[in-house]
PDB file of N, CA and C in Angstrom:
ATOM      1  N   MET A   1      11.486 163.085 -15.965  1.00  0.00           N
ATOM      2  CA  MET A   1      11.644 161.838 -15.267  1.00  0.00           C
ATOM      3  C   MET A   1      10.518 161.679 -14.246  1.00  0.00           C
ATOM      4  N   SER A   2      10.124 160.448 -14.021  1.00  0.00           N
ATOM      5  CA  SER A   2       9.030 160.217 -13.080  1.00  0.00           C
ATOM      6  C   SER A   2       9.280 158.955 -12.273  1.00  0.00           C
ATOM      7  N   TYR A   3       8.420 158.783 -11.316  1.00  0.00           N
ATOM      8  CA  TYR A   3       8.451 157.621 -10.431  1.00  0.00           C
ATOM      9  C   TYR A   3       7.045 157.050 -10.458  1.00  0.00           C
ATOM     10  N   ASP A   4       6.895 155.745 -10.544  1.00  0.00           N
ATOM     11  CA  ASP A   4       5.577 155.129 -10.646  1.00  0.00           C
ATOM     12  C   ASP A   4       5.284 154.235  -9.452  1.00  0.00           C
ATOM     13  N   LEU A   5       4.010 154.139  -9.129  1.00  0.00           N
ATOM     14  CA  LEU A   5       3.530 153.203  -8.118  1.00  0.00           C
ATOM     15  C   LEU A   5       2.351 152.429  -8.684  1.00  0.00           C
ATOM     16  N   ALA A   6       2.241 151.196  -8.278  1.00  0.00           N
ATOM     17  CA  ALA A   6       1.088 150.361  -8.610  1.00  0.00           C
ATOM     18  C   ALA A   6       0.412 149.988  -7.296  1.00  0.00           C
ATOM     19  N   VAL A   7      -0.891 150.141  -7.254  1.00  0.00           N
ATOM     20  CA  VAL A   7      -1.670 149.841  -6.047  1.00  0.00           C
ATOM     21  C   VAL A   7      -2.831 148.955  -6.474  1.00  0.00           C
ATOM     22  N   TRP A   8      -3.047 147.878  -5.706  1.00  0.00           N
ATOM     23  CA  TRP A   8      -4.140 146.975  -6.059  1.00  0.00           C
ATOM     24  C   TRP A   8      -4.766 146.329  -4.834  1.00  0.00           C
ATOM     25  N   GLU A   9      -5.965 145.799  -5.058  1.00  0.00           N
ATOM     26  CA  GLU A   9      -6.672 145.031  -4.041  1.00  0.00           C
ATOM     27  C   GLU A   9      -6.145 143.607  -4.044  1.00  0.00           C
ATOM     28  N   GLY A  10      -6.104 143.014  -2.868  1.00  0.00           N
ATOM     29  CA  GLY A  10      -5.706 141.615  -2.783  1.00  0.00           C
ATOM     30  C   GLY A  10      -4.920 141.355  -1.523  1.00  0.00           C
ATOM     31  N   ASP A  11      -4.580 140.096  -1.342  1.00  0.00           N
ATOM     32  CA  ASP A  11      -3.770 139.712  -0.193  1.00  0.00           C
ATOM     33  C   ASP A  11      -2.358 140.255  -0.363  1.00  0.00           C
ATOM     34  N   LEU A  12      -1.751 140.630   0.747  1.00  0.00           N
ATOM     35  CA  LEU A  12      -0.382 141.119   0.721  1.00  0.00           C
ATOM     36  C   LEU A  12       0.549 139.975   0.324  1.00  0.00           C
ATOM     37  N   PRO A  13       1.310 140.136  -0.751  1.00  0.00           N
ATOM     38  CA  PRO A  13       2.246 139.081  -1.150  1.00  0.00           C
ATOM     39  C   PRO A  13       3.279 138.816  -0.054  1.00  0.00           C
ATOM     40  N   ALA A  14       3.791 137.597  -0.026  1.00  0.00           N
ATOM     41  CA  ALA A  14       4.726 137.172   1.016  1.00  0.00           C
ATOM     42  C   ALA A  14       6.064 137.891   0.937  1.00  0.00           C
ATOM     43  N   ASN A  15       6.471 138.295  -0.269  1.00  0.00           N
ATOM     44  CA  ASN A  15       7.769 138.944  -0.429  1.00  0.00           C
ATOM     45  C   ASN A  15       7.771 139.747  -1.731  1.00  0.00           C
ATOM     46  N   ASP A  16       8.898 140.407  -1.988  1.00  0.00           N
ATOM     47  CA  ASP A  16       8.999 141.245  -3.180  1.00  0.00           C
ATOM     48  C   ASP A  16       8.850 140.448  -4.476  1.00  0.00           C
ATOM     49  N   GLU A  17       9.388 139.242  -4.509  1.00  0.00           N
ATOM     50  CA  GLU A  17       9.285 138.417  -5.712  1.00  0.00           C
ATOM     51  C   GLU A  17       7.824 138.071  -6.008  1.00  0.00           C
ATOM     52  N   ALA A  18       7.094 137.662  -4.984  1.00  0.00           N
ATOM     53  CA  ALA A  18       5.671 137.347  -5.157  1.00  0.00           C
ATOM     54  C   ALA A  18       4.893 138.604  -5.540  1.00  0.00           C
ATOM     55  N   ALA A  19       5.287 139.741  -4.982  1.00  0.00           N
ATOM     56  CA  ALA A  19       4.629 141.004  -5.330  1.00  0.00           C
ATOM     57  C   ALA A  19       4.862 141.339  -6.798  1.00  0.00           C
ATOM     58  N   GLY A  20       6.073 141.105  -7.287  1.00  0.00           N
ATOM     59  CA  GLY A  20       6.367 141.355  -8.698  1.00  0.00           C
ATOM     60  C   GLY A  20       5.525 140.486  -9.617  1.00  0.00           C
ATOM     61  N   GLU A  21       5.347 139.241  -9.244  1.00  0.00           N
ATOM     62  CA  GLU A  21       4.514 138.337 -10.038  1.00  0.00           C
ATOM     63  C   GLU A  21       3.056 138.787 -10.021  1.00  0.00           C
ATOM     64  N   ALA A  22       2.576 139.196  -8.846  1.00  0.00           N
ATOM     65  CA  ALA A  22       1.194 139.682  -8.735  1.00  0.00           C
ATOM     66  C   ALA A  22       1.013 140.965  -9.546  1.00  0.00           C
ATOM     67  N   TYR A  23       1.998 141.852  -9.469  1.00  0.00           N
ATOM     68  CA  TYR A  23       1.948 143.099 -10.236  1.00  0.00           C
ATOM     69  C   TYR A  23       1.843 142.802 -11.734  1.00  0.00           C
ATOM     70  N   GLU A  24       2.713 141.936 -12.233  1.00  0.00           N
ATOM     71  CA  GLU A  24       2.700 141.597 -13.664  1.00  0.00           C
ATOM     72  C   GLU A  24       1.349 141.016 -14.082  1.00  0.00           C
ATOM     73  N   ALA A  25       0.810 140.124 -13.269  1.00  0.00           N
ATOM     74  CA  ALA A  25      -0.482 139.504 -13.584  1.00  0.00           C
ATOM     75  C   ALA A  25      -1.602 140.539 -13.582  1.00  0.00           C
ATOM     76  N   HIS A  26      -1.619 141.406 -12.567  1.00  0.00           N
ATOM     77  CA  HIS A  26      -2.651 142.445 -12.504  1.00  0.00           C
ATOM     78  C   HIS A  26      -2.510 143.421 -13.674  1.00  0.00           C
ATOM     79  N   TYR A  27      -1.292 143.853 -13.951  1.00  0.00           N
ATOM     80  CA  TYR A  27      -1.093 144.824 -15.025  1.00  0.00           C
ATOM     81  C   TYR A  27      -1.559 144.248 -16.363  1.00  0.00           C
ATOM     82  N   GLN A  28      -1.182 143.018 -16.619  1.00  0.00           N
ATOM     83  CA  GLN A  28      -1.591 142.381 -17.871  1.00  0.00           C
ATOM     84  C   GLN A  28      -3.115 142.253 -17.949  1.00  0.00           C
ATOM     85  N   ARG A  29      -3.717 141.834 -16.858  1.00  0.00           N
ATOM     86  CA  ARG A  29      -5.161 141.607 -16.871  1.00  0.00           C
ATOM     87  C   ARG A  29      -5.959 142.905 -16.962  1.00  0.00           C
ATOM     88  N   TYR A  30      -5.542 143.943 -16.246  1.00  0.00           N
ATOM     89  CA  TYR A  30      -6.371 145.148 -16.147  1.00  0.00           C
ATOM     90  C   TYR A  30      -5.910 146.318 -17.007  1.00  0.00           C
ATOM     91  N   PHE A  31      -4.694 146.280 -17.548  1.00  0.00           N
ATOM     92  CA  PHE A  31      -4.229 147.398 -18.358  1.00  0.00           C
ATOM     93  C   PHE A  31      -3.847 147.015 -19.778  1.00  0.00           C
ATOM     94  N   GLU A  32      -3.520 145.767 -20.016  1.00  0.00           N
ATOM     95  CA  GLU A  32      -3.162 145.358 -21.369  1.00  0.00           C
ATOM     96  C   GLU A  32      -4.330 144.704 -22.093  1.00  0.00           C
ATOM     97  N   SER A  33      -5.448 144.600 -21.441  1.00  0.00           N
ATOM     98  CA  SER A  33      -6.676 144.128 -22.071  1.00  0.00           C
ATOM     99  C   SER A  33      -7.717 145.224 -21.859  1.00  0.00           C
ATOM    100  N   GLU A  34      -8.962 144.894 -22.023  1.00  0.00           N
ATOM    101  CA  GLU A  34     -10.005 145.907 -21.877  1.00  0.00           C
ATOM    102  C   GLU A  34     -10.059 146.424 -20.444  1.00  0.00           C
ATOM    103  N   GLU A  35      -9.930 147.739 -20.311  1.00  0.00           N
ATOM    104  CA  GLU A  35      -9.980 148.330 -18.981  1.00  0.00           C
ATOM    105  C   GLU A  35     -11.384 148.221 -18.408  1.00  0.00           C
ATOM    106  N   GLN A  36     -11.448 148.220 -17.086  1.00  0.00           N
ATOM    107  CA  GLN A  36     -12.704 148.085 -16.365  1.00  0.00           C
ATOM    108  C   GLN A  36     -12.902 149.299 -15.464  1.00  0.00           C
ATOM    109  N   PRO A  37     -14.137 149.566 -15.061  1.00  0.00           N
ATOM    110  CA  PRO A  37     -14.355 150.656 -14.109  1.00  0.00           C
ATOM    111  C   PRO A  37     -13.643 150.330 -12.796  1.00  0.00           C
ATOM    112  N   PRO A  38     -13.116 151.348 -12.124  1.00  0.00           N
ATOM    113  CA  PRO A  38     -12.442 151.081 -10.849  1.00  0.00           C
ATOM    114  C   PRO A  38     -13.410 150.539  -9.803  1.00  0.00           C
ATOM    115  N   THR A  39     -12.899 149.667  -8.956  1.00  0.00           N
ATOM    116  CA  THR A  39     -13.701 149.131  -7.858  1.00  0.00           C
ATOM    117  C   THR A  39     -13.920 150.230  -6.818  1.00  0.00           C
ATOM    118  N   PRO A  40     -14.902 150.065  -5.941  1.00  0.00           N
ATOM    119  CA  PRO A  40     -15.144 151.083  -4.909  1.00  0.00           C
ATOM    120  C   PRO A  40     -13.915 151.352  -4.024  1.00  0.00           C
ATOM    121  N   ARG A  41     -13.173 150.329  -3.664  1.00  0.00           N
ATOM    122  CA  ARG A  41     -12.001 150.542  -2.803  1.00  0.00           C
ATOM    123  C   ARG A  41     -10.908 151.325  -3.537  1.00  0.00           C
ATOM    124  N   ILE A  42     -10.685 151.015  -4.801  1.00  0.00           N
ATOM    125  CA  ILE A  42      -9.693 151.761  -5.587  1.00  0.00           C
ATOM    126  C   ILE A  42     -10.172 153.192  -5.785  1.00  0.00           C
ATOM    127  N   ARG A  43     -11.456 153.365  -6.045  1.00  0.00           N
ATOM    128  CA  ARG A  43     -11.995 154.725  -6.198  1.00  0.00           C
ATOM    129  C   ARG A  43     -11.788 155.531  -4.916  1.00  0.00           C
ATOM    130  N   ALA A  44     -12.034 154.932  -3.759  1.00  0.00           N
ATOM    131  CA  ALA A  44     -11.841 155.634  -2.485  1.00  0.00           C
ATOM    132  C   ALA A  44     -10.376 156.023  -2.295  1.00  0.00           C
ATOM    133  N   TYR A  45      -9.469 155.124  -2.648  1.00  0.00           N
ATOM    134  CA  TYR A  45      -8.040 155.424  -2.541  1.00  0.00           C
ATOM    135  C   TYR A  45      -7.659 156.564  -3.488  1.00  0.00           C
ATOM    136  N   VAL A  46      -8.086 156.483  -4.738  1.00  0.00           N
ATOM    137  CA  VAL A  46      -7.784 157.525  -5.716  1.00  0.00           C
ATOM    138  C   VAL A  46      -8.343 158.866  -5.249  1.00  0.00           C
ATOM    139  N   ASP A  47      -9.558 158.868  -4.718  1.00  0.00           N
ATOM    140  CA  ASP A  47     -10.147 160.107  -4.201  1.00  0.00           C
ATOM    141  C   ASP A  47      -9.305 160.682  -3.069  1.00  0.00           C
ATOM    142  N   ALA A  48      -8.794 159.821  -2.188  1.00  0.00           N
ATOM    143  CA  ALA A  48      -7.953 160.281  -1.077  1.00  0.00           C
ATOM    144  C   ALA A  48      -6.639 160.859  -1.592  1.00  0.00           C
ATOM    145  N   VAL A  49      -6.031 160.210  -2.570  1.00  0.00           N
ATOM    146  CA  VAL A  49      -4.782 160.712  -3.157  1.00  0.00           C
ATOM    147  C   VAL A  49      -5.030 162.045  -3.859  1.00  0.00           C
ATOM    148  N   ALA A  50      -6.108 162.139  -4.623  1.00  0.00           N
ATOM    149  CA  ALA A  50      -6.431 163.383  -5.328  1.00  0.00           C
ATOM    150  C   ALA A  50      -6.726 164.515  -4.353  1.00  0.00           C
ATOM    151  N   ALA A  51      -7.367 164.201  -3.231  1.00  0.00           N
ATOM    152  CA  ALA A  51      -7.647 165.227  -2.220  1.00  0.00           C
ATOM    153  C   ALA A  51      -6.361 165.687  -1.536  1.00  0.00           C
ATOM    154  N   ARG A  52      -5.430 164.774  -1.326  1.00  0.00           N
ATOM    155  CA  ARG A  52      -4.166 165.112  -0.662  1.00  0.00           C
ATOM    156  C   ARG A  52      -3.256 165.931  -1.571  1.00  0.00           C
ATOM    157  N   TRP A  53      -3.223 165.616  -2.861  1.00  0.00           N
ATOM    158  CA  TRP A  53      -2.379 166.326  -3.827  1.00  0.00           C
ATOM    159  C   TRP A  53      -3.222 166.776  -5.021  1.00  0.00           C
ATOM    160  N   PRO A  54      -4.129 167.747  -4.817  1.00  0.00           N
ATOM    161  CA  PRO A  54      -4.999 168.162  -5.920  1.00  0.00           C
ATOM    162  C   PRO A  54      -4.225 168.773  -7.091  1.00  0.00           C
ATOM    163  N   ASP A  55      -3.073 169.369  -6.812  1.00  0.00           N
ATOM    164  CA  ASP A  55      -2.279 169.953  -7.891  1.00  0.00           C
ATOM    165  C   ASP A  55      -1.718 168.890  -8.832  1.00  0.00           C
ATOM    166  N   LEU A  56      -1.546 167.675  -8.340  1.00  0.00           N
ATOM    167  CA  LEU A  56      -1.019 166.584  -9.166  1.00  0.00           C
ATOM    168  C   LEU A  56      -2.107 165.671  -9.713  1.00  0.00           C
ATOM    169  N   TYR A  57      -3.131 165.388  -8.887  1.00  0.00           N
ATOM    170  CA  TYR A  57      -4.062 164.314  -9.228  1.00  0.00           C
ATOM    171  C   TYR A  57      -5.536 164.693  -9.250  1.00  0.00           C
ATOM    172  N   GLY A  58      -5.866 165.933  -9.000  1.00  0.00           N
ATOM    173  CA  GLY A  58      -7.258 166.360  -9.057  1.00  0.00           C
ATOM    174  C   GLY A  58      -7.722 166.528 -10.500  1.00  0.00           C
ATOM    175  N   ARG A  59      -8.953 166.916 -10.682  1.00  0.00           N
ATOM    176  CA  ARG A  59      -9.513 167.065 -12.036  1.00  0.00           C
ATOM    177  C   ARG A  59      -8.765 168.100 -12.871  1.00  0.00           C
ATOM    178  N   ASP A  60      -8.181 169.102 -12.216  1.00  0.00           N
ATOM    179  CA  ASP A  60      -7.446 170.141 -12.935  1.00  0.00           C
ATOM    180  C   ASP A  60      -5.938 169.967 -12.769  1.00  0.00           C
ATOM    181  N   ALA A  61      -5.514 168.762 -12.567  1.00  0.00           N
ATOM    182  CA  ALA A  61      -4.117 168.472 -12.260  1.00  0.00           C
ATOM    183  C   ALA A  61      -3.186 168.722 -13.435  1.00  0.00           C
ATOM    184  N   GLU A  62      -1.952 169.037 -13.090  1.00  0.00           N
ATOM    185  CA  GLU A  62      -0.943 169.284 -14.113  1.00  0.00           C
ATOM    186  C   GLU A  62      -0.493 168.010 -14.828  1.00  0.00           C
ATOM    187  N   LEU A  63      -0.628 166.852 -14.197  1.00  0.00           N
ATOM    188  CA  LEU A  63      -0.145 165.610 -14.806  1.00  0.00           C
ATOM    189  C   LEU A  63      -1.120 164.994 -15.795  1.00  0.00           C
ATOM    190  N   TYR A  64      -2.392 165.227 -15.602  1.00  0.00           N
ATOM    191  CA  TYR A  64      -3.408 164.572 -16.429  1.00  0.00           C
ATOM    192  C   TYR A  64      -4.311 165.632 -17.056  1.00  0.00           C
ATOM    193  N   LEU A  65      -3.713 166.458 -17.895  1.00  0.00           N
ATOM    194  CA  LEU A  65      -4.412 167.619 -18.432  1.00  0.00           C
ATOM    195  C   LEU A  65      -5.654 167.277 -19.246  1.00  0.00           C
ATOM    196  N   LEU A  66      -5.635 166.208 -19.979  1.00  0.00           N
ATOM    197  CA  LEU A  66      -6.754 165.877 -20.865  1.00  0.00           C
ATOM    198  C   LEU A  66      -7.572 164.708 -20.341  1.00  0.00           C
ATOM    199  N   SER A  67      -7.690 164.622 -19.027  1.00  0.00           N
ATOM    200  CA  SER A  67      -8.426 163.501 -18.450  1.00  0.00           C
ATOM    201  C   SER A  67      -9.226 163.969 -17.246  1.00  0.00           C
ATOM    202  N   ASN A  68      -9.805 163.018 -16.557  1.00  0.00           N
ATOM    203  CA  ASN A  68     -10.547 163.297 -15.332  1.00  0.00           C
ATOM    204  C   ASN A  68      -9.670 163.131 -14.099  1.00  0.00           C
ATOM    205  N   GLY A  69      -8.385 163.214 -14.269  1.00  0.00           N
ATOM    206  CA  GLY A  69      -7.470 163.061 -13.144  1.00  0.00           C
ATOM    207  C   GLY A  69      -7.028 161.622 -12.976  1.00  0.00           C
ATOM    208  N   LEU A  70      -6.548 161.325 -11.803  1.00  0.00           N
ATOM    209  CA  LEU A  70      -5.957 160.026 -11.511  1.00  0.00           C
ATOM    210  C   LEU A  70      -6.925 158.865 -11.708  1.00  0.00           C
ATOM    211  N   ILE A  71      -8.215 159.099 -11.576  1.00  0.00           N
ATOM    212  CA  ILE A  71      -9.184 158.010 -11.717  1.00  0.00           C
ATOM    213  C   ILE A  71      -9.085 157.367 -13.104  1.00  0.00           C
ATOM    214  N   ASP A  72      -8.645 158.126 -14.101  1.00  0.00           N
ATOM    215  CA  ASP A  72      -8.483 157.564 -15.441  1.00  0.00           C
ATOM    216  C   ASP A  72      -7.317 156.577 -15.524  1.00  0.00           C
ATOM    217  N   GLU A  73      -6.498 156.531 -14.492  1.00  0.00           N
ATOM    218  CA  GLU A  73      -5.366 155.601 -14.454  1.00  0.00           C
ATOM    219  C   GLU A  73      -5.714 154.324 -13.689  1.00  0.00           C
ATOM    220  N   ALA A  74      -6.976 154.167 -13.328  1.00  0.00           N
ATOM    221  CA  ALA A  74      -7.438 152.989 -12.586  1.00  0.00           C
ATOM    222  C   ALA A  74      -8.225 152.068 -13.508  1.00  0.00           C
ATOM    223  N   SER A  75      -8.089 150.773 -13.260  1.00  0.00           N
ATOM    224  CA  SER A  75      -8.857 149.767 -13.989  1.00  0.00           C
ATOM    225  C   SER A  75      -9.151 148.623 -13.034  1.00  0.00           C
ATOM    226  N   GLY A  76     -10.432 148.380 -12.805  1.00  0.00           N
ATOM    227  CA  GLY A  76     -10.815 147.310 -11.884  1.00  0.00           C
ATOM    228  C   GLY A  76     -10.194 147.531 -10.513  1.00  0.00           C
ATOM    229  N   PRO A  77      -9.508 146.525  -9.982  1.00  0.00           N
ATOM    230  CA  PRO A  77      -8.961 146.620  -8.635  1.00  0.00           C
ATOM    231  C   PRO A  77      -7.528 147.155  -8.596  1.00  0.00           C
ATOM    232  N   MET A  78      -7.133 147.952  -9.610  1.00  0.00           N
ATOM    233  CA  MET A  78      -5.748 148.422  -9.672  1.00  0.00           C
ATOM    234  C   MET A  78      -5.674 149.851 -10.183  1.00  0.00           C
ATOM    235  N   VAL A  79      -4.702 150.590  -9.661  1.00  0.00           N
ATOM    236  CA  VAL A  79      -4.363 151.903 -10.204  1.00  0.00           C
ATOM    237  C   VAL A  79      -2.846 151.946 -10.359  1.00  0.00           C
ATOM    238  N   TYR A  80      -2.411 152.516 -11.476  1.00  0.00           N
ATOM    239  CA  TYR A  80      -0.985 152.665 -11.770  1.00  0.00           C
ATOM    240  C   TYR A  80      -0.770 154.143 -12.023  1.00  0.00           C
ATOM    241  N   PHE A  81       0.067 154.772 -11.202  1.00  0.00           N
ATOM    242  CA  PHE A  81       0.200 156.205 -11.389  1.00  0.00           C
ATOM    243  C   PHE A  81       1.623 156.710 -11.314  1.00  0.00           C
ATOM    244  N   THR A  82       1.793 157.861 -11.956  1.00  0.00           N
ATOM    245  CA  THR A  82       3.080 158.519 -12.092  1.00  0.00           C
ATOM    246  C   THR A  82       3.196 159.641 -11.076  1.00  0.00           C
ATOM    247  N   ILE A  83       4.399 159.763 -10.527  1.00  0.00           N
ATOM    248  CA  ILE A  83       4.715 160.835  -9.586  1.00  0.00           C
ATOM    249  C   ILE A  83       5.884 161.607 -10.183  1.00  0.00           C
ATOM    250  N   PRO A  84       5.805 162.940 -10.249  1.00  0.00           N
ATOM    251  CA  PRO A  84       6.964 163.689 -10.736  1.00  0.00           C
ATOM    252  C   PRO A  84       8.185 163.365  -9.870  1.00  0.00           C
ATOM    253  N   PHE A  85       9.322 163.143 -10.507  1.00  0.00           N
ATOM    254  CA  PHE A  85      10.515 162.743  -9.770  1.00  0.00           C
ATOM    255  C   PHE A  85      10.874 163.759  -8.686  1.00  0.00           C
ATOM    256  N   SER A  86      10.636 165.032  -8.955  1.00  0.00           N
ATOM    257  CA  SER A  86      10.972 166.078  -7.981  1.00  0.00           C
ATOM    258  C   SER A  86      10.158 165.968  -6.696  1.00  0.00           C
ATOM    259  N   ARG A  87       9.050 165.238  -6.742  1.00  0.00           N
ATOM    260  CA  ARG A  87       8.199 165.079  -5.555  1.00  0.00           C
ATOM    261  C   ARG A  87       8.053 163.618  -5.149  1.00  0.00           C
ATOM    262  N   SER A  88       8.885 162.759  -5.711  1.00  0.00           N
ATOM    263  CA  SER A  88       8.724 161.322  -5.487  1.00  0.00           C
ATOM    264  C   SER A  88       8.905 160.910  -4.033  1.00  0.00           C
ATOM    265  N   ASP A  89       9.849 161.496  -3.316  1.00  0.00           N
ATOM    266  CA  ASP A  89      10.033 161.118  -1.910  1.00  0.00           C
ATOM    267  C   ASP A  89       8.787 161.428  -1.096  1.00  0.00           C
ATOM    268  N   GLU A  90       8.316 162.662  -1.225  1.00  0.00           N
ATOM    269  CA  GLU A  90       7.140 163.111  -0.472  1.00  0.00           C
ATOM    270  C   GLU A  90       5.903 162.285  -0.815  1.00  0.00           C
ATOM    271  N   VAL A  91       5.584 162.214  -2.088  1.00  0.00           N
ATOM    272  CA  VAL A  91       4.326 161.606  -2.513  1.00  0.00           C
ATOM    273  C   VAL A  91       4.356 160.086  -2.387  1.00  0.00           C
ATOM    274  N   SER A  92       5.434 159.440  -2.801  1.00  0.00           N
ATOM    275  CA  SER A  92       5.438 157.973  -2.799  1.00  0.00           C
ATOM    276  C   SER A  92       5.333 157.403  -1.398  1.00  0.00           C
ATOM    277  N   SER A  93       6.018 158.004  -0.459  1.00  0.00           N
ATOM    278  CA  SER A  93       5.977 157.503   0.916  1.00  0.00           C
ATOM    279  C   SER A  93       4.574 157.609   1.504  1.00  0.00           C
ATOM    280  N   GLU A  94       3.979 158.774   1.361  1.00  0.00           N
ATOM    281  CA  GLU A  94       2.642 158.966   1.928  1.00  0.00           C
ATOM    282  C   GLU A  94       1.578 158.194   1.146  1.00  0.00           C
ATOM    283  N   ALA A  95       1.714 158.125  -0.179  1.00  0.00           N
ATOM    284  CA  ALA A  95       0.751 157.366  -0.987  1.00  0.00           C
ATOM    285  C   ALA A  95       0.801 155.885  -0.631  1.00  0.00           C
ATOM    286  N   ALA A  96       1.994 155.375  -0.344  1.00  0.00           N
ATOM    287  CA  ALA A  96       2.128 153.973   0.071  1.00  0.00           C
ATOM    288  C   ALA A  96       1.455 153.748   1.414  1.00  0.00           C
ATOM    289  N   GLN A  97       1.642 154.679   2.332  1.00  0.00           N
ATOM    290  CA  GLN A  97       1.003 154.556   3.644  1.00  0.00           C
ATOM    291  C   GLN A  97      -0.517 154.632   3.509  1.00  0.00           C
ATOM    292  N   MET A  98      -0.997 155.519   2.647  1.00  0.00           N
ATOM    293  CA  MET A  98      -2.435 155.635   2.411  1.00  0.00           C
ATOM    294  C   MET A  98      -2.991 154.340   1.825  1.00  0.00           C
ATOM    295  N   ALA A  99      -2.233 153.703   0.947  1.00  0.00           N
ATOM    296  CA  ALA A  99      -2.676 152.426   0.377  1.00  0.00           C
ATOM    297  C   ALA A  99      -2.843 151.393   1.481  1.00  0.00           C
ATOM    298  N   ALA A 100      -1.869 151.322   2.377  1.00  0.00           N
ATOM    299  CA  ALA A 100      -1.955 150.370   3.494  1.00  0.00           C
ATOM    300  C   ALA A 100      -3.179 150.662   4.354  1.00  0.00           C
ATOM    301  N   GLU A 101      -3.450 151.938   4.598  1.00  0.00           N
ATOM    302  CA  GLU A 101      -4.611 152.322   5.403  1.00  0.00           C
ATOM    303  C   GLU A 101      -5.923 151.944   4.723  1.00  0.00           C
ATOM    304  N   HIS A 102      -5.929 151.856   3.408  1.00  0.00           N
ATOM    305  CA  HIS A 102      -7.115 151.445   2.649  1.00  0.00           C
ATOM    306  C   HIS A 102      -7.160 149.933   2.434  1.00  0.00           C
ATOM    307  N   GLY A 103      -6.213 149.215   3.013  1.00  0.00           N
ATOM    308  CA  GLY A 103      -6.182 147.763   2.860  1.00  0.00           C
ATOM    309  C   GLY A 103      -5.730 147.309   1.488  1.00  0.00           C
ATOM    310  N   LEU A 104      -4.889 148.115   0.836  1.00  0.00           N
ATOM    311  CA  LEU A 104      -4.427 147.830  -0.515  1.00  0.00           C
ATOM    312  C   LEU A 104      -2.939 147.491  -0.526  1.00  0.00           C
ATOM    313  N   VAL A 105      -2.522 146.812  -1.552  1.00  0.00           N
ATOM    314  CA  VAL A 105      -1.115 146.485  -1.770  1.00  0.00           C
ATOM    315  C   VAL A 105      -0.497 147.614  -2.587  1.00  0.00           C
ATOM    316  N   CYS A 106       0.693 148.063  -2.199  1.00  0.00           N
ATOM    317  CA  CYS A 106       1.416 149.088  -2.948  1.00  0.00           C
ATOM    318  C   CYS A 106       2.762 148.513  -3.363  1.00  0.00           C
ATOM    319  N   TYR A 107       3.093 148.671  -4.642  1.00  0.00           N
ATOM    320  CA  TYR A 107       4.305 148.074  -5.204  1.00  0.00           C
ATOM    321  C   TYR A 107       5.061 149.104  -6.028  1.00  0.00           C
ATOM    322  N   ASP A 108       6.362 149.094  -5.875  1.00  0.00           N
ATOM    323  CA  ASP A 108       7.261 149.962  -6.621  1.00  0.00           C
ATOM    324  C   ASP A 108       7.831 149.164  -7.795  1.00  0.00           C
ATOM    325  N   PRO A 109       7.353 149.403  -9.023  1.00  0.00           N
ATOM    326  CA  PRO A 109       7.834 148.608 -10.150  1.00  0.00           C
ATOM    327  C   PRO A 109       9.266 148.932 -10.580  1.00  0.00           C
ATOM    328  N   GLN A 110       9.781 150.119 -10.241  1.00  0.00           N
ATOM    329  CA  GLN A 110      11.160 150.437 -10.606  1.00  0.00           C
ATOM    330  C   GLN A 110      12.155 149.651  -9.751  1.00  0.00           C
ATOM    331  N   TRP A 111      11.938 149.661  -8.445  1.00  0.00           N
ATOM    332  CA  TRP A 111      12.841 148.994  -7.508  1.00  0.00           C
ATOM    333  C   TRP A 111      12.375 147.584  -7.169  1.00  0.00           C
ATOM    334  N   GLU A 112      11.217 147.218  -7.695  1.00  0.00           N
ATOM    335  CA  GLU A 112      10.660 145.877  -7.549  1.00  0.00           C
ATOM    336  C   GLU A 112      10.522 145.444  -6.093  1.00  0.00           C
ATOM    337  N   HIS A 113       9.840 146.318  -5.314  1.00  0.00           N
ATOM    338  CA  HIS A 113       9.558 145.931  -3.933  1.00  0.00           C
ATOM    339  C   HIS A 113       8.263 146.538  -3.430  1.00  0.00           C
ATOM    340  N   LEU A 114       7.738 145.893  -2.408  1.00  0.00           N
ATOM    341  CA  LEU A 114       6.519 146.360  -1.756  1.00  0.00           C
ATOM    342  C   LEU A 114       6.789 147.673  -1.046  1.00  0.00           C
ATOM    343  N   ARG A 115       5.781 148.520  -0.987  1.00  0.00           N
ATOM    344  CA  ARG A 115       5.860 149.772  -0.245  1.00  0.00           C
ATOM    345  C   ARG A 115       4.647 149.884   0.654  1.00  0.00           C
ATOM    346  N   PRO A 116       4.738 150.370   1.865  1.00  0.00           N
ATOM    347  CA  PRO A 116       5.971 150.404   2.658  1.00  0.00           C
ATOM    348  C   PRO A 116       6.382 148.979   3.002  1.00  0.00           C
ATOM    349  N   ALA A 117       7.670 148.769   3.138  1.00  0.00           N
ATOM    350  CA  ALA A 117       8.156 147.415   3.392  1.00  0.00           C
ATOM    351  C   ALA A 117       9.332 147.428   4.355  1.00  0.00           C
ATOM    352  N   ALA A 118       9.340 146.471   5.236  1.00  0.00           N
ATOM    353  CA  ALA A 118      10.461 146.330   6.159  1.00  0.00           C
ATOM    354  C   ALA A 118      11.723 146.024   5.363  1.00  0.00           C
ATOM    355  N   GLY A 119      12.819 146.611   5.788  1.00  0.00           N
ATOM    356  CA  GLY A 119      14.086 146.339   5.133  1.00  0.00           C
ATOM    357  C   GLY A 119      14.371 147.205   3.923  1.00  0.00           C
ATOM    358  N   HIS A 120      13.474 148.133   3.618  1.00  0.00           N
ATOM    359  CA  HIS A 120      13.690 149.055   2.503  1.00  0.00           C
ATOM    360  C   HIS A 120      13.610 150.475   3.036  1.00  0.00           C
ATOM    361  N   ASP A 121      14.304 151.383   2.387  1.00  0.00           N
ATOM    362  CA  ASP A 121      14.225 152.793   2.743  1.00  0.00           C
ATOM    363  C   ASP A 121      12.989 153.394   2.103  1.00  0.00           C
ATOM    364  N   ASP A 122      11.896 153.408   2.831  1.00  0.00           N
ATOM    365  CA  ASP A 122      10.663 154.020   2.326  1.00  0.00           C
ATOM    366  C   ASP A 122      10.506 155.332   3.011  1.00  0.00           C
TER     367      ASP A 122
END
């Protein structure tokens, strides 16, 4: 079992519903069509996440054995990544905060809400 987060560049949506619409549009554009190289801001975020959790997201990570790590999960201004459920509380909370620090939007597609977000247990 896993937990997923989507992080992208753009204006912060007004609410969870708008965030869900933005997520769907970004996912369709950047993951269901031809993937694009990650933007510099997404690359910086991915590098920060990989440095914080090298066992999960570095080049020799357990989650992405046949890839270059988390960067392979990025396309253009978006990254969509999996967190092992056993570490979801630890990683998702801090990864969401790191996204905010990088000026990025973080969205939880399972619970359909922005992270970190007022009124939610993040």
